[in-house]
Protein backbone atom coordinates (compact mmCIF):
# COMPACT_ATOMS: atom_id res chain seq x y z
CA MET A 1 -4.86 23.45 15.80
CA ALA A 2 -4.97 19.68 15.36
CA THR A 3 -4.40 17.54 18.43
CA PRO A 4 -1.73 14.78 18.51
CA ALA A 5 -4.52 12.20 18.23
CA GLN A 6 -5.82 13.93 15.10
CA TRP A 7 -2.34 13.99 13.55
CA ILE A 8 -2.01 10.24 14.22
CA ALA A 9 -5.45 9.62 12.70
CA GLY A 10 -4.50 11.80 9.73
CA ALA A 11 -1.48 9.57 9.11
CA ARG A 12 -4.03 6.77 8.54
CA PRO A 13 -2.34 4.02 10.57
CA ARG A 14 -4.72 1.41 9.16
CA THR A 15 -2.92 1.74 5.82
CA LEU A 16 0.47 0.87 7.30
CA PRO A 17 0.10 -2.88 6.57
CA ALA A 18 0.49 -1.83 2.93
CA ALA A 19 4.00 -0.66 3.80
CA LEU A 20 4.92 -3.51 6.14
CA ALA A 21 3.74 -6.54 4.11
CA PRO A 22 6.01 -6.03 1.05
CA VAL A 23 9.08 -5.66 3.27
CA LEU A 24 8.21 -8.86 5.13
CA VAL A 25 7.79 -10.81 1.89
CA GLY A 26 10.92 -9.32 0.33
CA THR A 27 12.88 -10.18 3.47
CA GLY A 28 11.47 -13.71 3.48
CA THR A 29 12.64 -14.07 -0.12
CA ALA A 30 16.11 -12.86 0.85
CA ALA A 31 16.19 -15.44 3.65
CA ALA A 32 15.11 -18.15 1.19
CA LEU A 33 18.18 -17.25 -0.86
CA ASP A 34 20.44 -17.19 2.23
CA GLY A 35 20.85 -13.43 1.96
CA PHE A 36 18.93 -12.13 4.99
CA ASP A 37 20.45 -9.00 6.51
CA LEU A 38 18.70 -7.46 9.52
CA GLY A 39 20.18 -3.98 9.19
CA THR A 40 19.16 -3.41 5.59
CA ALA A 41 15.77 -5.04 6.22
CA LEU A 42 15.08 -2.54 9.00
CA LEU A 43 16.19 0.37 6.83
CA ALA A 44 13.88 -0.84 4.06
CA LEU A 45 11.05 -0.94 6.60
CA VAL A 46 11.75 2.65 7.69
CA VAL A 47 11.67 3.77 4.04
CA ALA A 48 8.39 1.97 3.40
CA LEU A 49 6.62 3.23 6.53
CA ALA A 50 7.84 6.81 6.07
CA LEU A 51 6.73 6.87 2.42
CA GLN A 52 3.30 5.53 3.40
CA VAL A 53 2.82 8.23 6.03
CA ALA A 54 4.14 10.85 3.61
CA VAL A 55 1.73 9.88 0.85
CA ASN A 56 -1.17 9.87 3.33
CA TYR A 57 -0.40 13.42 4.44
CA ALA A 58 0.27 14.49 0.85
CA ASN A 59 -3.11 13.09 -0.24
CA ASP A 60 -4.79 14.82 2.70
CA TYR A 61 -3.23 18.10 1.59
CA SER A 62 -3.97 17.75 -2.12
CA ASP A 63 -7.50 16.35 -1.78
CA GLY A 64 -8.32 18.94 0.85
CA ARG A 65 -7.16 21.76 -1.39
CA ARG A 66 -9.19 20.36 -4.30
CA GLY A 67 -12.34 19.95 -2.19
CA ALA A 68 -12.40 16.18 -2.61
CA ASP A 69 -12.53 15.61 1.18
CA ALA A 70 -15.47 17.90 1.88
CA ASP A 71 -17.85 14.97 2.49
CA ARG A 72 -16.04 11.84 3.61
CA VAL A 73 -17.26 8.81 5.54
CA GLY A 74 -13.78 7.47 6.20
CA PRO A 75 -10.87 8.30 8.50
CA MET A 76 -9.83 11.74 9.72
CA ARG A 77 -8.93 14.30 7.04
CA LEU A 78 -6.91 17.12 8.53
CA VAL A 79 -7.37 19.71 5.78
CA GLY A 80 -10.89 18.72 4.76
CA SER A 81 -12.15 18.86 8.35
CA GLY A 82 -10.39 22.15 9.06
CA ALA A 83 -8.43 20.62 11.95
CA ALA A 84 -5.11 21.71 10.43
CA GLN A 85 -3.99 24.32 7.94
CA PRO A 86 -2.92 23.04 4.50
CA ARG A 87 0.64 24.31 4.98
CA GLU A 88 0.93 22.33 8.25
CA VAL A 89 -0.13 19.10 6.56
CA LEU A 90 2.20 19.81 3.65
CA LEU A 91 5.08 20.27 6.10
CA ALA A 92 4.21 16.95 7.77
CA ALA A 93 4.32 15.26 4.37
CA PHE A 94 7.70 16.80 3.58
CA LEU A 95 9.11 15.70 6.94
CA ALA A 96 7.98 12.11 6.31
CA PHE A 97 9.48 12.24 2.81
CA ALA A 98 12.73 13.49 4.37
CA VAL A 99 12.84 10.53 6.78
CA ALA A 100 12.30 8.16 3.85
CA GLY A 101 15.01 9.97 1.88
CA VAL A 102 17.63 9.74 4.63
CA ALA A 103 16.93 6.03 5.21
CA GLY A 104 16.96 5.49 1.44
CA LEU A 105 20.36 7.15 1.11
CA ALA A 106 21.70 4.84 3.82
CA LEU A 107 20.34 1.85 1.89
CA ALA A 108 21.93 3.12 -1.32
CA ALA A 109 25.28 3.48 0.42
CA LEU A 110 25.04 -0.12 1.63
CA SER A 111 23.85 -1.65 -1.64
CA SER A 112 23.72 0.41 -4.85
CA TRP A 113 23.57 4.10 -5.65
CA TRP A 114 21.05 3.28 -8.37
CA LEU A 115 18.55 3.15 -5.50
CA VAL A 116 18.72 6.95 -5.31
CA ALA A 117 17.02 7.12 -8.72
CA VAL A 118 14.46 4.50 -7.66
CA GLY A 119 13.74 6.45 -4.47
CA ALA A 120 13.30 9.68 -6.41
CA VAL A 121 10.75 7.99 -8.67
CA CYS A 122 8.92 6.59 -5.63
CA ILE A 123 8.70 10.03 -4.01
CA ALA A 124 7.52 11.60 -7.27
CA ALA A 125 4.86 8.89 -7.64
CA ALA A 126 3.74 9.38 -4.04
CA TRP A 127 3.34 13.13 -4.53
CA THR A 128 1.63 13.04 -7.93
CA TYR A 129 -0.98 10.47 -6.85
CA THR A 130 -3.26 13.36 -5.92
CA GLY A 131 -0.82 16.30 -6.16
CA GLY A 132 0.53 18.37 -9.02
CA PRO A 133 -1.29 19.56 -12.13
CA LEU A 134 -2.04 16.04 -13.47
CA PRO A 135 -2.69 13.73 -10.49
CA TYR A 136 -2.90 10.17 -11.78
CA GLY A 137 -5.17 9.14 -8.90
CA TYR A 138 -7.83 11.33 -10.52
CA ARG A 139 -7.41 9.50 -13.85
CA ALA A 140 -8.17 5.89 -12.87
CA LEU A 141 -4.46 4.99 -12.72
CA GLY A 142 -4.08 4.70 -8.96
CA GLU A 143 -4.43 0.92 -8.91
CA VAL A 144 -1.77 0.47 -11.60
CA PHE A 145 0.78 2.58 -9.76
CA VAL A 146 -0.07 1.03 -6.39
CA PHE A 147 0.51 -2.46 -7.78
CA VAL A 148 3.83 -1.50 -9.34
CA PHE A 149 5.26 0.35 -6.34
CA PHE A 150 3.85 -1.76 -3.52
CA GLY A 151 4.34 -5.02 -5.42
CA PRO A 152 7.46 -5.44 -7.58
CA VAL A 153 9.27 -2.26 -6.54
CA ALA A 154 8.85 -2.78 -2.78
CA VAL A 155 9.21 -6.55 -2.62
CA VAL A 156 11.98 -6.95 -5.19
CA GLY A 157 13.71 -3.85 -3.85
CA THR A 158 13.72 -5.26 -0.32
CA THR A 159 15.20 -8.50 -1.60
CA TYR A 160 17.78 -6.66 -3.68
CA VAL A 161 19.19 -4.55 -0.86
CA GLN A 162 19.83 -7.73 1.12
CA THR A 163 21.05 -10.09 -1.60
CA GLY A 164 22.29 -7.84 -4.40
CA THR A 165 20.19 -9.89 -6.85
CA LEU A 166 16.86 -9.61 -8.67
CA PRO A 167 15.53 -13.18 -8.41
CA ALA A 168 12.45 -14.46 -10.23
CA LEU A 169 11.07 -15.65 -6.88
CA ALA A 170 10.90 -12.06 -5.62
CA PHE A 171 8.95 -10.96 -8.69
CA ALA A 172 6.55 -13.90 -8.32
CA VAL A 173 5.74 -13.29 -4.65
CA SER A 174 5.39 -9.56 -5.25
CA VAL A 175 2.22 -10.25 -7.25
CA PRO A 176 -0.10 -11.45 -4.44
CA ILE A 177 1.07 -8.70 -2.08
CA GLY A 178 0.65 -6.06 -4.78
CA LEU A 179 -2.86 -7.30 -5.58
CA LEU A 180 -3.95 -7.30 -1.94
CA ILE A 181 -2.72 -3.73 -1.52
CA VAL A 182 -4.59 -2.77 -4.68
CA ALA A 183 -7.68 -4.27 -3.02
CA ILE A 184 -7.19 -1.84 -0.11
CA LEU A 185 -7.32 1.05 -2.57
CA VAL A 186 -10.30 -0.43 -4.44
CA VAL A 187 -12.47 -0.75 -1.33
CA ASN A 188 -11.39 2.71 -0.21
CA ASN A 189 -12.44 4.17 -3.57
CA LEU A 190 -15.65 2.14 -3.54
CA ARG A 191 -16.56 3.79 -0.24
CA ASP A 192 -15.88 7.24 -1.72
CA LEU A 193 -17.28 6.49 -5.19
CA HIS A 194 -20.26 8.85 -5.20
CA GLY A 195 -18.42 11.73 -3.54
CA ASP A 196 -15.49 11.35 -5.92
CA ALA A 197 -17.81 11.38 -8.93
CA ILE A 198 -19.39 14.63 -7.75
CA VAL A 199 -16.06 16.47 -7.46
CA GLY A 200 -14.69 15.04 -10.72
CA LYS A 201 -12.22 12.60 -9.20
CA ARG A 202 -12.23 9.80 -11.78
CA THR A 203 -10.95 6.83 -9.82
CA LEU A 204 -11.16 3.33 -11.25
CA ALA A 205 -14.26 2.78 -9.11
CA VAL A 206 -15.95 5.81 -10.71
CA LEU A 207 -14.97 4.57 -14.16
CA LEU A 208 -16.10 0.97 -13.65
CA GLY A 209 -19.21 1.65 -11.62
CA GLU A 210 -20.28 0.18 -8.32
CA ARG A 211 -21.18 -3.37 -9.38
CA THR A 212 -18.02 -4.03 -11.38
CA THR A 213 -15.87 -2.50 -8.64
CA ARG A 214 -17.35 -4.89 -6.09
CA LEU A 215 -16.60 -7.87 -8.34
CA THR A 216 -13.09 -6.57 -9.01
CA PHE A 217 -12.41 -6.34 -5.28
CA THR A 218 -13.20 -9.99 -4.65
CA GLY A 219 -11.44 -11.05 -7.85
CA LEU A 220 -8.21 -9.53 -6.55
CA PHE A 221 -8.38 -11.84 -3.53
CA ALA A 222 -8.89 -14.90 -5.73
CA VAL A 223 -5.97 -14.12 -8.04
CA ALA A 224 -3.65 -13.23 -5.14
CA PHE A 225 -4.12 -16.56 -3.40
CA ALA A 226 -3.98 -18.45 -6.69
CA VAL A 227 -0.48 -17.03 -7.19
CA VAL A 228 0.52 -18.06 -3.65
CA LEU A 229 -0.68 -21.57 -4.51
CA ALA A 230 1.39 -21.52 -7.70
CA VAL A 231 4.53 -20.42 -5.84
CA GLY A 232 3.91 -23.25 -3.39
CA ILE A 233 4.48 -25.80 -6.14
CA THR A 234 8.22 -25.13 -6.00
CA ARG A 235 8.37 -23.62 -2.51
CA PRO A 236 5.90 -25.68 -0.42
CA TRP A 237 6.49 -23.64 2.74
CA ALA A 238 5.09 -20.62 0.89
CA LEU A 239 1.69 -22.29 1.20
CA LEU A 240 1.64 -20.94 4.76
CA GLY A 241 0.39 -17.76 3.10
CA LEU A 242 -2.89 -19.55 2.34
CA LEU A 243 -3.63 -19.68 6.08
CA ALA A 244 -4.54 -15.99 5.82
CA ALA A 245 -7.23 -16.67 3.21
CA PRO A 246 -10.13 -17.02 5.72
CA LEU A 247 -9.57 -13.37 6.67
CA ALA A 248 -10.72 -12.48 3.15
CA VAL A 249 -14.23 -13.79 3.82
CA PRO A 250 -15.65 -10.92 5.96
CA PRO A 251 -14.55 -8.03 3.70
CA ALA A 252 -15.51 -9.96 0.55
CA ARG A 253 -18.96 -10.73 1.99
CA THR A 254 -19.48 -7.10 3.00
CA VAL A 255 -18.53 -5.81 -0.43
CA LEU A 256 -20.49 -8.41 -2.43
CA ASN A 257 -23.58 -7.90 -0.26
CA GLY A 258 -23.68 -4.20 -1.14
CA GLY A 259 -22.18 -2.68 2.01
CA HIS A 260 -21.89 1.10 2.10
CA GLY A 261 -20.42 3.79 4.36
CA PRO A 262 -19.30 2.48 7.76
CA ALA A 263 -19.58 -1.13 6.59
CA LEU A 264 -16.92 -0.43 3.97
CA ILE A 265 -14.68 1.13 6.61
CA ALA A 266 -14.77 -2.26 8.37
CA ALA A 267 -14.05 -3.97 5.03
CA LEU A 268 -11.08 -1.63 4.52
CA GLN A 269 -9.73 -2.51 7.95
CA GLY A 270 -10.29 -6.21 7.28
CA THR A 271 -8.43 -6.00 3.98
CA GLY A 272 -5.51 -4.34 5.74
CA GLN A 273 -5.45 -7.15 8.31
CA LEU A 274 -5.60 -9.73 5.52
CA THR A 275 -2.68 -8.06 3.75
CA LEU A 276 -0.56 -7.97 6.89
CA ALA A 277 -1.36 -11.59 7.80
CA THR A 278 -0.50 -12.72 4.29
CA GLY A 279 2.75 -10.78 4.42
CA VAL A 280 3.72 -12.35 7.75
CA LEU A 281 2.80 -15.91 6.78
CA LEU A 282 4.13 -15.79 3.23
CA GLY A 283 7.34 -14.14 4.39
CA LEU A 284 7.77 -16.78 7.10
CA GLY A 285 7.06 -19.58 4.64
CA LEU A 286 9.62 -18.25 2.19
CA ALA A 287 12.23 -17.94 4.94
CA LEU A 288 11.60 -21.55 6.00
CA SER A 289 11.90 -22.69 2.39
CA GLY A 290 15.53 -21.66 2.42
């Protein structure tokens, strides 16, 4: 039986910045448009965090069942390590999805019932990343879906539930956050590249190869901060987001210098910290621009 500490580790708390940052930026955009609403912002945060935990447990379940977690360097895998039974991890995923669903229904009641359809698509995408008969995470599509759902869907959605609008500003600032979260996935898949290739998990890293994946990782940083700079032309306070850029140096150096195994775990953690810092600073800058 898994211990509470193992269940917490299995939820992969280091990935939670990927849920928090889009909500912060979407809320900053709402504030810039004089539409900030604390209640709906908090509900959006609950949805985002619950979905992130749900997808982490769902991936643990699906990868463990497929044998993809048999030899991992990274964080705790409940099914792959044998610490928990697959059905227990599946139940944990369903419970987290249920929390996201209840909070999502509350958001829909406060804003638009169309959000029920959006939420259903988000849950389906979370499950089919590594679950179901045709998991897209095994077909080099993970980065595309992560960008879409953690970028435009999360950021613009957070702005929408507070303002009732779909402003161009929200779409613009969703790009750097989406790209940084894609970078989290890229370095994660770089760490697991050889093991994934052995079990037939064709991630983008497996498809591109190690060298190109390392260059892609650092390129995502460059494009993300270039977009922040572009947004700053019309919203100068948004340039606060550039203050997070120095945090990109350690993970970029590790990846470009050929880091493997534990070194890439540190790069993963550093990328998460970079994403969160960018979300905080960019969100604050957008709020001040209002």
